[in-house]
Amino acid sequence: MAPLTLETFDAVPDRCRTCVRWELAEAGSALDDAEDRRFEKEAWLLRLLLTWTSAGRVAYVGARPAGYVLVAPTDQSPLSSTFPTSPVSSDAALLVTAGIEDWARGAGIGRMLVQGVAKDLTQQGFSALELFGHRETDPVPCMLPAGFAEAVGFTVVADDPAVPRLRLELKSALDWREDVEAALDRLLQTLSLSSH
């Protein structure tokens, strides 16, 4: 696992690198060109990294990117104040978005990523991580399904039929270490067997 920085940002899928929904809100939706959106996202990431050591984590299996998680303080995410379940708690950072590659799903990568950012955020003085999940059957661009969040340990703290706000206490995320390491061992064994 590596911190999400400008150097590792290329490991994030293009659909996330060109999505500025969380970072620019209304202004971002007016950008038609993918290159403009990518530029704005990188500029936002650079501004964030001037005050934070990392904006999340990227997981690799060997040299192959397997997943990512992007986090930010709420003041760097205008969209976070627009939901019926807003605002994010003052002691929490915002999990903006995350993704796991299809071939790496079900192996605990999501938990491993959340544990990695939990450690980072604890060192920055946060006590929780929150996110806005969606309950739509179709994917919502740049938003995580509430079910994914619950599967990696989040609980609903402000319910809504469409967009609940979920929370994870960072201390509990750091206690997952043994489970995550066992899941990662299973993934590595599976991948090594499939390559023979």
C-alpha atoms as a PDB file:
ATOM      1  CA  MET A   1       0.000   0.000   0.000  1.00  0.00           C
ATOM      2  CA  ALA A   2       1.188   3.517  -0.771  1.00  0.00           C
ATOM      3  CA  PRO A   3      -0.029   6.992   0.144  1.00  0.00           C
ATOM      4  CA  LEU A   4      -2.185   8.663  -2.508  1.00  0.00           C
ATOM      5  CA  THR A   5       0.000  11.508  -3.755  1.00  0.00           C
ATOM      6  CA  LEU A   6       0.667  13.134  -7.120  1.00  0.00           C
ATOM      7  CA  GLU A   7       3.226  10.379  -7.781  1.00  0.00           C
ATOM      8  CA  THR A   8       0.728   7.543  -7.213  1.00  0.00           C
ATOM      9  CA  PHE A   9      -2.315   9.313  -8.668  1.00  0.00           C
ATOM     10  CA  ASP A  10      -1.827   7.550 -12.034  1.00  0.00           C
ATOM     11  CA  ALA A  11      -2.742   4.272 -10.294  1.00  0.00           C
ATOM     12  CA  VAL A  12      -6.269   5.629  -9.766  1.00  0.00           C
ATOM     13  CA  PRO A  13      -8.659   4.722 -12.617  1.00  0.00           C
ATOM     14  CA  ASP A  14      -9.352   7.452 -15.145  1.00  0.00           C
ATOM     15  CA  ARG A  15     -13.031   7.651 -14.132  1.00  0.00           C
ATOM     16  CA  CYS A  16     -11.910   8.968 -10.726  1.00  0.00           C
ATOM     17  CA  ARG A  17      -9.028  11.097 -12.015  1.00  0.00           C
ATOM     18  CA  THR A  18     -11.490  13.001 -14.221  1.00  0.00           C
ATOM     19  CA  CYS A  19     -14.349  13.265 -11.696  1.00  0.00           C
ATOM     20  CA  VAL A  20     -14.394  16.633  -9.918  1.00  0.00           C
ATOM     21  CA  ARG A  21     -17.866  16.281  -8.434  1.00  0.00           C
ATOM     22  CA  TRP A  22     -16.669  16.373  -4.827  1.00  0.00           C
ATOM     23  CA  GLU A  23     -13.843  18.824  -5.320  1.00  0.00           C
ATOM     24  CA  LEU A  24     -15.501  21.564  -7.391  1.00  0.00           C
ATOM     25  CA  ALA A  25     -19.251  20.891  -7.010  1.00  0.00           C
ATOM     26  CA  GLU A  26     -21.204  23.102  -9.443  1.00  0.00           C
ATOM     27  CA  ALA A  27     -18.146  24.559 -11.180  1.00  0.00           C
ATOM     28  CA  GLY A  28     -16.793  21.101 -11.878  1.00  0.00           C
ATOM     29  CA  SER A  29     -19.909  19.883 -13.603  1.00  0.00           C
ATOM     30  CA  ALA A  30     -19.514  22.622 -16.233  1.00  0.00           C
ATOM     31  CA  LEU A  31     -16.164  21.240 -17.413  1.00  0.00           C
ATOM     32  CA  ASP A  32     -16.824  19.206 -20.555  1.00  0.00           C
ATOM     33  CA  ASP A  33     -13.283  18.189 -21.419  1.00  0.00           C
ATOM     34  CA  ALA A  34     -11.757  15.221 -19.566  1.00  0.00           C
ATOM     35  CA  GLU A  35      -8.309  16.844 -19.697  1.00  0.00           C
ATOM     36  CA  ASP A  36      -9.677  19.981 -18.003  1.00  0.00           C
ATOM     37  CA  ARG A  37     -11.281  17.876 -15.293  1.00  0.00           C
ATOM     38  CA  ARG A  38      -8.071  15.880 -14.788  1.00  0.00           C
ATOM     39  CA  PHE A  39      -6.096  19.144 -14.501  1.00  0.00           C
ATOM     40  CA  GLU A  40      -8.571  20.525 -11.922  1.00  0.00           C
ATOM     41  CA  LYS A  41      -8.472  17.277  -9.939  1.00  0.00           C
ATOM     42  CA  GLU A  42      -4.662  17.304  -9.859  1.00  0.00           C
ATOM     43  CA  ALA A  43      -4.655  20.984  -8.816  1.00  0.00           C
ATOM     44  CA  TRP A  44      -7.109  20.155  -6.012  1.00  0.00           C
ATOM     45  CA  LEU A  45      -4.941  17.216  -4.925  1.00  0.00           C
ATOM     46  CA  LEU A  46      -1.840  19.425  -4.876  1.00  0.00           C
ATOM     47  CA  ARG A  47      -3.626  22.031  -2.710  1.00  0.00           C
ATOM     48  CA  LEU A  48      -4.749  19.287  -0.350  1.00  0.00           C
ATOM     49  CA  LEU A  49      -1.270  17.801  -0.079  1.00  0.00           C
ATOM     50  CA  LEU A  50       0.160  21.168   0.972  1.00  0.00           C
ATOM     51  CA  THR A  51      -1.561  20.665   4.337  1.00  0.00           C
ATOM     52  CA  TRP A  52      -1.991  16.859   4.442  1.00  0.00           C
ATOM     53  CA  THR A  53       0.693  14.218   4.067  1.00  0.00           C
ATOM     54  CA  SER A  54      -1.609  11.996   2.004  1.00  0.00           C
ATOM     55  CA  ALA A  55      -5.041  12.220   0.398  1.00  0.00           C
ATOM     56  CA  GLY A  56      -5.706   8.520   0.803  1.00  0.00           C
ATOM     57  CA  ARG A  57      -4.135   5.214  -0.164  1.00  0.00           C
ATOM     58  CA  VAL A  58      -3.492   3.059  -3.211  1.00  0.00           C
ATOM     59  CA  ALA A  59      -3.254  -0.733  -2.853  1.00  0.00           C
ATOM     60  CA  TYR A  60      -1.048  -2.768  -5.157  1.00  0.00           C
ATOM     61  CA  VAL A  61      -0.692  -6.493  -5.709  1.00  0.00           C
ATOM     62  CA  GLY A  62       2.841  -6.681  -7.014  1.00  0.00           C
ATOM     63  CA  ALA A  63       3.088  -3.664  -9.327  1.00  0.00           C
ATOM     64  CA  ARG A  64      -0.583  -3.861 -10.320  1.00  0.00           C
ATOM     65  CA  PRO A  65      -2.976  -1.285  -8.758  1.00  0.00           C
ATOM     66  CA  ALA A  66      -5.811  -3.131  -6.977  1.00  0.00           C
ATOM     67  CA  GLY A  67      -7.760  -0.287  -5.368  1.00  0.00           C
ATOM     68  CA  TYR A  68      -7.713   3.198  -3.938  1.00  0.00           C
ATOM     69  CA  VAL A  69      -9.402   5.402  -1.354  1.00  0.00           C
ATOM     70  CA  LEU A  70      -9.549   9.214  -1.461  1.00  0.00           C
ATOM     71  CA  VAL A  71     -10.069  11.231   1.753  1.00  0.00           C
ATOM     72  CA  ALA A  72     -10.235  14.947   2.494  1.00  0.00           C
ATOM     73  CA  PRO A  73     -11.334  17.434   5.118  1.00  0.00           C
ATOM     74  CA  THR A  74     -14.873  18.657   4.481  1.00  0.00           C
ATOM     75  CA  ASP A  75     -13.694  22.216   3.780  1.00  0.00           C
ATOM     76  CA  GLN A  76     -11.972  20.819   0.658  1.00  0.00           C
ATOM     77  CA  SER A  77     -15.173  19.197  -0.588  1.00  0.00           C
ATOM     78  CA  PRO A  78     -18.028  21.608  -1.352  1.00  0.00           C
ATOM     79  CA  LEU A  79     -20.428  18.767  -2.211  1.00  0.00           C
ATOM     80  CA  SER A  80     -20.273  17.452   1.365  1.00  0.00           C
ATOM     81  CA  SER A  81     -22.556  20.227   2.632  1.00  0.00           C
ATOM     82  CA  THR A  82     -25.350  19.597   0.102  1.00  0.00           C
ATOM     83  CA  PHE A  83     -26.856  16.300   1.297  1.00  0.00           C
ATOM     84  CA  PRO A  84     -29.919  15.933   3.531  1.00  0.00           C
ATOM     85  CA  THR A  85     -27.693  14.048   6.011  1.00  0.00           C
ATOM     86  CA  SER A  86     -25.018  16.793   6.129  1.00  0.00           C
ATOM     87  CA  PRO A  87     -22.874  17.937   7.830  1.00  0.00           C
ATOM     88  CA  VAL A  88     -19.989  15.569   8.460  1.00  0.00           C
ATOM     89  CA  SER A  89     -19.095  15.503  12.174  1.00  0.00           C
ATOM     90  CA  SER A  90     -16.413  17.949  13.280  1.00  0.00           C
ATOM     91  CA  ASP A  91     -14.093  15.146  14.498  1.00  0.00           C
ATOM     92  CA  ALA A  92     -14.251  13.258  11.177  1.00  0.00           C
ATOM     93  CA  ALA A  93     -12.529  13.372   7.819  1.00  0.00           C
ATOM     94  CA  LEU A  94     -14.535  12.627   4.685  1.00  0.00           C
ATOM     95  CA  LEU A  95     -14.046   9.491   2.620  1.00  0.00           C
ATOM     96  CA  VAL A  96     -14.697  11.063  -0.778  1.00  0.00           C
ATOM     97  CA  THR A  97     -14.585   7.953  -2.930  1.00  0.00           C
ATOM     98  CA  ALA A  98     -12.911   4.568  -3.311  1.00  0.00           C
ATOM     99  CA  GLY A  99     -12.718   1.721  -5.755  1.00  0.00           C
ATOM    100  CA  ILE A 100     -11.520  -1.863  -5.965  1.00  0.00           C
ATOM    101  CA  GLU A 101     -10.605  -3.445  -9.303  1.00  0.00           C
ATOM    102  CA  ASP A 102     -12.944  -6.280 -10.300  1.00  0.00           C
ATOM    103  CA  TRP A 103     -10.207  -8.922 -10.130  1.00  0.00           C
ATOM    104  CA  ALA A 104      -9.304  -7.902  -6.539  1.00  0.00           C
ATOM    105  CA  ARG A 105     -12.816  -7.793  -5.039  1.00  0.00           C
ATOM    106  CA  GLY A 106     -13.701 -10.004  -2.098  1.00  0.00           C
ATOM    107  CA  ALA A 107     -10.140 -10.288  -0.841  1.00  0.00           C
ATOM    108  CA  GLY A 108     -10.177  -7.642   1.903  1.00  0.00           C
ATOM    109  CA  ILE A 109      -8.497  -4.871  -0.104  1.00  0.00           C
ATOM    110  CA  GLY A 110     -11.258  -2.403   0.878  1.00  0.00           C
ATOM    111  CA  ARG A 111     -10.682  -3.045   4.578  1.00  0.00           C
ATOM    112  CA  MET A 112      -6.933  -2.794   4.099  1.00  0.00           C
ATOM    113  CA  LEU A 113      -7.304   0.608   2.416  1.00  0.00           C
ATOM    114  CA  VAL A 114      -9.630   1.890   5.133  1.00  0.00           C
ATOM    115  CA  GLN A 115      -7.210   0.675   7.798  1.00  0.00           C
ATOM    116  CA  GLY A 116      -4.364   2.512   6.048  1.00  0.00           C
ATOM    117  CA  VAL A 117      -6.226   5.824   5.953  1.00  0.00           C
ATOM    118  CA  ALA A 118      -7.426   5.278   9.534  1.00  0.00           C
ATOM    119  CA  LYS A 119      -3.804   5.186  10.685  1.00  0.00           C
ATOM    120  CA  ASP A 120      -2.974   8.321   8.651  1.00  0.00           C
ATOM    121  CA  LEU A 121      -5.992  10.230   9.962  1.00  0.00           C
ATOM    122  CA  THR A 122      -5.379   9.240  13.581  1.00  0.00           C
ATOM    123  CA  GLN A 123      -1.918  10.786  13.291  1.00  0.00           C
ATOM    124  CA  GLN A 124      -3.575  13.979  11.977  1.00  0.00           C
ATOM    125  CA  GLY A 125      -5.887  14.218  15.008  1.00  0.00           C
ATOM    126  CA  PHE A 126      -9.141  12.805  13.579  1.00  0.00           C
ATOM    127  CA  SER A 127     -11.174  10.263  15.517  1.00  0.00           C
ATOM    128  CA  ALA A 128     -13.539   9.112  12.744  1.00  0.00           C
ATOM    129  CA  LEU A 129     -14.055   8.754   9.023  1.00  0.00           C
ATOM    130  CA  GLU A 130     -17.428   9.505   7.472  1.00  0.00           C
ATOM    131  CA  LEU A 131     -18.908   9.166   4.008  1.00  0.00           C
ATOM    132  CA  PHE A 132     -22.108   9.696   2.094  1.00  0.00           C
ATOM    133  CA  GLY A 133     -23.223   6.399   0.624  1.00  0.00           C
ATOM    134  CA  HIS A 134     -25.896   5.823  -1.981  1.00  0.00           C
ATOM    135  CA  ARG A 135     -28.672   3.279  -2.007  1.00  0.00           C
ATOM    136  CA  GLU A 136     -29.384   3.421  -5.740  1.00  0.00           C
ATOM    137  CA  THR A 137     -29.340   0.161  -7.682  1.00  0.00           C
ATOM    138  CA  ASP A 138     -27.340   1.821 -10.471  1.00  0.00           C
ATOM    139  CA  PRO A 139     -23.872   3.230  -9.743  1.00  0.00           C
ATOM    140  CA  VAL A 140     -23.743   6.927  -8.837  1.00  0.00           C
ATOM    141  CA  PRO A 141     -20.628   8.639 -10.240  1.00  0.00           C
ATOM    142  CA  CYS A 142     -17.958   9.221  -7.606  1.00  0.00           C
ATOM    143  CA  MET A 143     -20.090   7.863  -4.749  1.00  0.00           C
ATOM    144  CA  LEU A 144     -19.809   4.604  -2.850  1.00  0.00           C
ATOM    145  CA  PRO A 145     -22.711   2.241  -2.304  1.00  0.00           C
ATOM    146  CA  ALA A 146     -23.843   2.291   1.333  1.00  0.00           C
ATOM    147  CA  GLY A 147     -23.567  -1.516   1.301  1.00  0.00           C
ATOM    148  CA  PHE A 148     -19.832  -1.346   0.490  1.00  0.00           C
ATOM    149  CA  ALA A 149     -19.282   1.068   3.369  1.00  0.00           C
ATOM    150  CA  GLU A 150     -21.156  -1.195   5.778  1.00  0.00           C
ATOM    151  CA  ALA A 151     -19.179  -4.212   4.554  1.00  0.00           C
ATOM    152  CA  VAL A 152     -15.907  -2.520   5.522  1.00  0.00           C
ATOM    153  CA  GLY A 153     -17.129  -1.494   8.983  1.00  0.00           C
ATOM    154  CA  PHE A 154     -19.049   1.778   8.640  1.00  0.00           C
ATOM    155  CA  THR A 155     -22.396   2.255  10.400  1.00  0.00           C
ATOM    156  CA  VAL A 156     -25.245   4.593   9.490  1.00  0.00           C
ATOM    157  CA  VAL A 157     -25.324   7.686  11.727  1.00  0.00           C
ATOM    158  CA  ALA A 158     -27.776   9.821   9.713  1.00  0.00           C
ATOM    159  CA  ASP A 159     -30.251   7.786   7.710  1.00  0.00           C
ATOM    160  CA  ASP A 160     -31.871   8.764   4.446  1.00  0.00           C
ATOM    161  CA  PRO A 161     -33.622   6.605   1.828  1.00  0.00           C
ATOM    162  CA  ALA A 162     -31.176   7.721  -0.892  1.00  0.00           C
ATOM    163  CA  VAL A 163     -27.990   9.118   0.719  1.00  0.00           C
ATOM    164  CA  PRO A 164     -27.237   8.017   4.295  1.00  0.00           C
ATOM    165  CA  ARG A 165     -24.184   9.326   6.133  1.00  0.00           C
ATOM    166  CA  LEU A 166     -22.027   6.547   7.547  1.00  0.00           C
ATOM    167  CA  ARG A 167     -19.267   6.654  10.163  1.00  0.00           C
ATOM    168  CA  LEU A 168     -16.297   4.557  11.176  1.00  0.00           C
ATOM    169  CA  GLU A 169     -14.493   5.102  14.467  1.00  0.00           C
ATOM    170  CA  LEU A 170     -10.790   5.077  13.593  1.00  0.00           C
ATOM    171  CA  LYS A 171      -9.826   3.099  16.684  1.00  0.00           C
ATOM    172  CA  SER A 172     -12.004   0.186  15.555  1.00  0.00           C
ATOM    173  CA  ALA A 173     -10.476   0.307  12.063  1.00  0.00           C
ATOM    174  CA  LEU A 174      -6.992  -0.012  13.518  1.00  0.00           C
ATOM    175  CA  ASP A 175      -8.080  -3.135  15.420  1.00  0.00           C
ATOM    176  CA  TRP A 176      -8.728  -4.986  12.124  1.00  0.00           C
ATOM    177  CA  ARG A 177      -5.057  -5.592  11.412  1.00  0.00           C
ATOM    178  CA  GLU A 178      -5.071  -9.394  11.820  1.00  0.00           C
ATOM    179  CA  ASP A 179      -8.222  -9.832   9.688  1.00  0.00           C
ATOM    180  CA  VAL A 180      -6.799  -7.645   6.942  1.00  0.00           C
ATOM    181  CA  GLU A 181      -3.445  -9.403   6.918  1.00  0.00           C
ATOM    182  CA  ALA A 182      -5.164 -12.815   6.654  1.00  0.00           C
ATOM    183  CA  ALA A 183      -7.315 -11.577   3.753  1.00  0.00           C
ATOM    184  CA  LEU A 184      -4.271 -10.191   1.965  1.00  0.00           C
ATOM    185  CA  ASP A 185      -2.458 -13.517   2.384  1.00  0.00           C
ATOM    186  CA  ARG A 186      -5.465 -15.284   0.789  1.00  0.00           C
ATOM    187  CA  LEU A 187      -5.441 -12.844  -2.150  1.00  0.00           C
ATOM    188  CA  LEU A 188      -1.722 -13.301  -2.752  1.00  0.00           C
ATOM    189  CA  GLN A 189      -2.076 -17.107  -2.621  1.00  0.00           C
ATOM    190  CA  THR A 190      -4.977 -17.003  -5.084  1.00  0.00           C
ATOM    191  CA  LEU A 191      -3.058 -14.770  -7.478  1.00  0.00           C
ATOM    192  CA  SER A 192       0.083 -16.892  -7.308  1.00  0.00           C
ATOM    193  CA  LEU A 193      -1.930 -20.086  -7.964  1.00  0.00           C
ATOM    194  CA  SER A 194      -3.703 -18.514 -10.951  1.00  0.00           C
ATOM    195  CA  SER A 195      -0.396 -17.443 -12.495  1.00  0.00           C
ATOM    196  CA  HIS A 196       0.909 -21.062 -12.575  1.00  0.00           C
END
